[in-house]
Amino acid sequence: RYGEVVNINLVRDKKTGKSKGFCFLCYEDQRSTILAVDNFNGIKIKGRTIRVDHVANYRPPKDSDDLDDVTKALHAKGCGVKTPPHTSSDSLSEDDDVPVKKQKGEVCS
């Protein structure tokens, strides 16, 4: 819904194989990642509130012997598109359609 997922790392217990209750998703681009975090963080699924956030220093799993070629390439180059940090001197063009969250009572012009 918010972009193309290119990799999923579902974290499991090594002994039992059961999910530990969290995973890491890699989206095709940074914009998709931001949209997913903004729209999924805090929603309820089956009565449980989920937390969705960005990971600054993602480390792929060590047991990467049985990974497919796409996953190996993602681990080698990093996940997603690397974009420079946004600075106050950067300006958005009219073509950039960036969602803006309004605070309660705030009016955007």
C-alpha atoms as a PDB file:
ATOM      1  CA  ARG A   1       0.000   0.000   0.000  1.00  0.00           C
ATOM      2  CA  TYR A   2       2.809   2.450   0.815  1.00  0.00           C
ATOM      3  CA  GLY A   3       5.509   1.052  -1.412  1.00  0.00           C
ATOM      4  CA  GLU A   4       7.317  -2.019  -2.626  1.00  0.00           C
ATOM      5  CA  VAL A   5       8.815  -4.199   0.119  1.00  0.00           C
ATOM      6  CA  VAL A   6      12.120  -5.616  -1.126  1.00  0.00           C
ATOM      7  CA  ASN A   7      13.186  -7.599   1.937  1.00  0.00           C
ATOM      8  CA  ILE A   8      11.710  -8.945   5.186  1.00  0.00           C
ATOM      9  CA  ASN A   9      13.746 -10.204   8.132  1.00  0.00           C
ATOM     10  CA  LEU A  10      11.390 -11.948  10.566  1.00  0.00           C
ATOM     11  CA  VAL A  11      13.348 -12.467  13.762  1.00  0.00           C
ATOM     12  CA  ARG A  12      12.911 -15.946  15.257  1.00  0.00           C
ATOM     13  CA  ASP A  13      14.108 -17.726  18.372  1.00  0.00           C
ATOM     14  CA  LYS A  14      17.035 -19.971  17.399  1.00  0.00           C
ATOM     15  CA  LYS A  15      15.948 -22.865  19.621  1.00  0.00           C
ATOM     16  CA  THR A  16      12.201 -22.968  19.027  1.00  0.00           C
ATOM     17  CA  GLY A  17      11.902 -21.254  15.634  1.00  0.00           C
ATOM     18  CA  LYS A  18       9.002 -19.154  16.934  1.00  0.00           C
ATOM     19  CA  SER A  19       8.747 -15.501  15.978  1.00  0.00           C
ATOM     20  CA  LYS A  20      10.070 -13.077  18.587  1.00  0.00           C
ATOM     21  CA  GLY A  21       7.281 -10.668  17.660  1.00  0.00           C
ATOM     22  CA  PHE A  22       9.186  -8.215  15.502  1.00  0.00           C
ATOM     23  CA  CYS A  23      10.700  -7.958  12.060  1.00  0.00           C
ATOM     24  CA  PHE A  24      12.611  -5.620   9.780  1.00  0.00           C
ATOM     25  CA  LEU A  25      11.206  -4.482   6.434  1.00  0.00           C
ATOM     26  CA  CYS A  26      13.228  -2.922   3.656  1.00  0.00           C
ATOM     27  CA  TYR A  27      11.296  -0.737   1.240  1.00  0.00           C
ATOM     28  CA  GLU A  28      12.376   0.072  -2.286  1.00  0.00           C
ATOM     29  CA  ASP A  29      12.761   3.794  -1.525  1.00  0.00           C
ATOM     30  CA  GLN A  30      12.990   6.202   1.395  1.00  0.00           C
ATOM     31  CA  ARG A  31       9.624   7.821   0.718  1.00  0.00           C
ATOM     32  CA  SER A  32       7.850   4.458   1.064  1.00  0.00           C
ATOM     33  CA  THR A  33       9.657   3.844   4.330  1.00  0.00           C
ATOM     34  CA  ILE A  34       8.555   7.200   5.725  1.00  0.00           C
ATOM     35  CA  LEU A  35       4.947   6.650   4.640  1.00  0.00           C
ATOM     36  CA  ALA A  36       4.864   3.178   6.223  1.00  0.00           C
ATOM     37  CA  VAL A  37       6.289   4.438   9.528  1.00  0.00           C
ATOM     38  CA  ASP A  38       3.922   7.418   9.638  1.00  0.00           C
ATOM     39  CA  ASN A  39       0.835   5.346   8.812  1.00  0.00           C
ATOM     40  CA  PHE A  40       1.486   2.085  10.685  1.00  0.00           C
ATOM     41  CA  ASN A  41       3.022   3.295  13.952  1.00  0.00           C
ATOM     42  CA  GLY A  42       0.461   3.057  16.743  1.00  0.00           C
ATOM     43  CA  ILE A  43      -2.267   1.165  14.880  1.00  0.00           C
ATOM     44  CA  LYS A  44      -4.024  -1.798  16.474  1.00  0.00           C
ATOM     45  CA  ILE A  45      -3.888  -5.267  14.954  1.00  0.00           C
ATOM     46  CA  LYS A  46      -5.892  -8.006  16.657  1.00  0.00           C
ATOM     47  CA  GLY A  47      -6.194  -5.848  19.761  1.00  0.00           C
ATOM     48  CA  ARG A  48      -2.463  -5.099  20.030  1.00  0.00           C
ATOM     49  CA  THR A  49      -0.875  -1.729  19.342  1.00  0.00           C
ATOM     50  CA  ILE A  50       2.144  -2.051  17.083  1.00  0.00           C
ATOM     51  CA  ARG A  51       5.237   0.133  17.027  1.00  0.00           C
ATOM     52  CA  VAL A  52       6.867   0.982  13.711  1.00  0.00           C
ATOM     53  CA  ASP A  53      10.054   3.022  13.532  1.00  0.00           C
ATOM     54  CA  HIS A  54      13.200   3.631  11.514  1.00  0.00           C
ATOM     55  CA  VAL A  55      16.400   1.716  12.280  1.00  0.00           C
ATOM     56  CA  ALA A  56      19.587   3.787  12.126  1.00  0.00           C
ATOM     57  CA  ASN A  57      22.154   0.970  12.072  1.00  0.00           C
ATOM     58  CA  TYR A  58      20.550  -2.195  10.773  1.00  0.00           C
ATOM     59  CA  ARG A  59      22.804  -5.260  10.933  1.00  0.00           C
ATOM     60  CA  PRO A  60      21.773  -8.234   8.804  1.00  0.00           C
ATOM     61  CA  PRO A  61      21.666 -11.654  10.476  1.00  0.00           C
ATOM     62  CA  LYS A  62      25.013 -13.415  10.854  1.00  0.00           C
ATOM     63  CA  ASP A  63      23.749 -16.749   9.568  1.00  0.00           C
ATOM     64  CA  SER A  64      23.604 -15.617   5.951  1.00  0.00           C
ATOM     65  CA  ASP A  65      24.877 -18.774   4.214  1.00  0.00           C
ATOM     66  CA  ASP A  66      21.483 -19.733   2.753  1.00  0.00           C
ATOM     67  CA  LEU A  67      20.448 -16.304   1.435  1.00  0.00           C
ATOM     68  CA  ASP A  68      19.282 -15.736  -2.132  1.00  0.00           C
ATOM     69  CA  ASP A  69      21.207 -13.431  -4.492  1.00  0.00           C
ATOM     70  CA  VAL A  70      18.832 -10.473  -4.026  1.00  0.00           C
ATOM     71  CA  THR A  71      19.167 -10.566  -0.240  1.00  0.00           C
ATOM     72  CA  LYS A  72      22.956 -10.901  -0.472  1.00  0.00           C
ATOM     73  CA  ALA A  73      23.058  -7.821  -2.719  1.00  0.00           C
ATOM     74  CA  LEU A  74      20.877  -5.876  -0.269  1.00  0.00           C
ATOM     75  CA  HIS A  75      23.203  -6.782   2.584  1.00  0.00           C
ATOM     76  CA  ALA A  76      26.249  -5.759   0.544  1.00  0.00           C
ATOM     77  CA  LYS A  77      24.991  -2.350  -0.595  1.00  0.00           C
ATOM     78  CA  GLY A  78      22.592  -1.615   2.239  1.00  0.00           C
ATOM     79  CA  CYS A  79      18.839  -1.595   2.266  1.00  0.00           C
ATOM     80  CA  GLY A  80      16.911   1.075   0.395  1.00  0.00           C
ATOM     81  CA  VAL A  81      18.090   4.210  -1.288  1.00  0.00           C
ATOM     82  CA  LYS A  82      20.595   6.325   0.592  1.00  0.00           C
ATOM     83  CA  THR A  83      19.507   9.954   0.632  1.00  0.00           C
ATOM     84  CA  PRO A  84      21.429  12.863   2.098  1.00  0.00           C
ATOM     85  CA  PRO A  85      19.987  14.342   5.298  1.00  0.00           C
ATOM     86  CA  HIS A  86      17.482  17.157   4.752  1.00  0.00           C
ATOM     87  CA  THR A  87      18.802  20.595   5.638  1.00  0.00           C
ATOM     88  CA  SER A  88      16.981  23.882   6.061  1.00  0.00           C
ATOM     89  CA  SER A  89      18.636  25.211   2.899  1.00  0.00           C
ATOM     90  CA  ASP A  90      17.018  22.470   0.800  1.00  0.00           C
ATOM     91  CA  SER A  91      13.826  23.476  -0.923  1.00  0.00           C
ATOM     92  CA  LEU A  92      11.097  21.286  -2.330  1.00  0.00           C
ATOM     93  CA  SER A  93      10.027  21.652  -5.918  1.00  0.00           C
ATOM     94  CA  GLU A  94       6.374  21.690  -6.893  1.00  0.00           C
ATOM     95  CA  ASP A  95       6.785  18.105  -8.107  1.00  0.00           C
ATOM     96  CA  ASP A  96       7.676  16.856  -4.619  1.00  0.00           C
ATOM     97  CA  ASP A  97       4.494  15.593  -3.015  1.00  0.00           C
ATOM     98  CA  VAL A  98       5.470  15.192   0.628  1.00  0.00           C
ATOM     99  CA  PRO A  99       2.714  14.487   3.161  1.00  0.00           C
ATOM    100  CA  VAL A 100       2.475  16.970   6.027  1.00  0.00           C
ATOM    101  CA  LYS A 101       1.022  16.023   9.379  1.00  0.00           C
ATOM    102  CA  LYS A 102      -1.042  18.752  10.991  1.00  0.00           C
ATOM    103  CA  GLN A 103      -1.113  19.168  14.729  1.00  0.00           C
ATOM    104  CA  LYS A 104      -4.509  19.515  16.368  1.00  0.00           C
ATOM    105  CA  GLY A 105      -5.794  23.004  15.725  1.00  0.00           C
ATOM    106  CA  GLU A 106      -3.054  23.808  13.167  1.00  0.00           C
ATOM    107  CA  VAL A 107      -4.060  25.299   9.843  1.00  0.00           C
ATOM    108  CA  CYS A 108      -1.878  24.884   6.785  1.00  0.00           C
ATOM    109  CA  SER A 109      -1.928  27.492   4.057  1.00  0.00           C
END
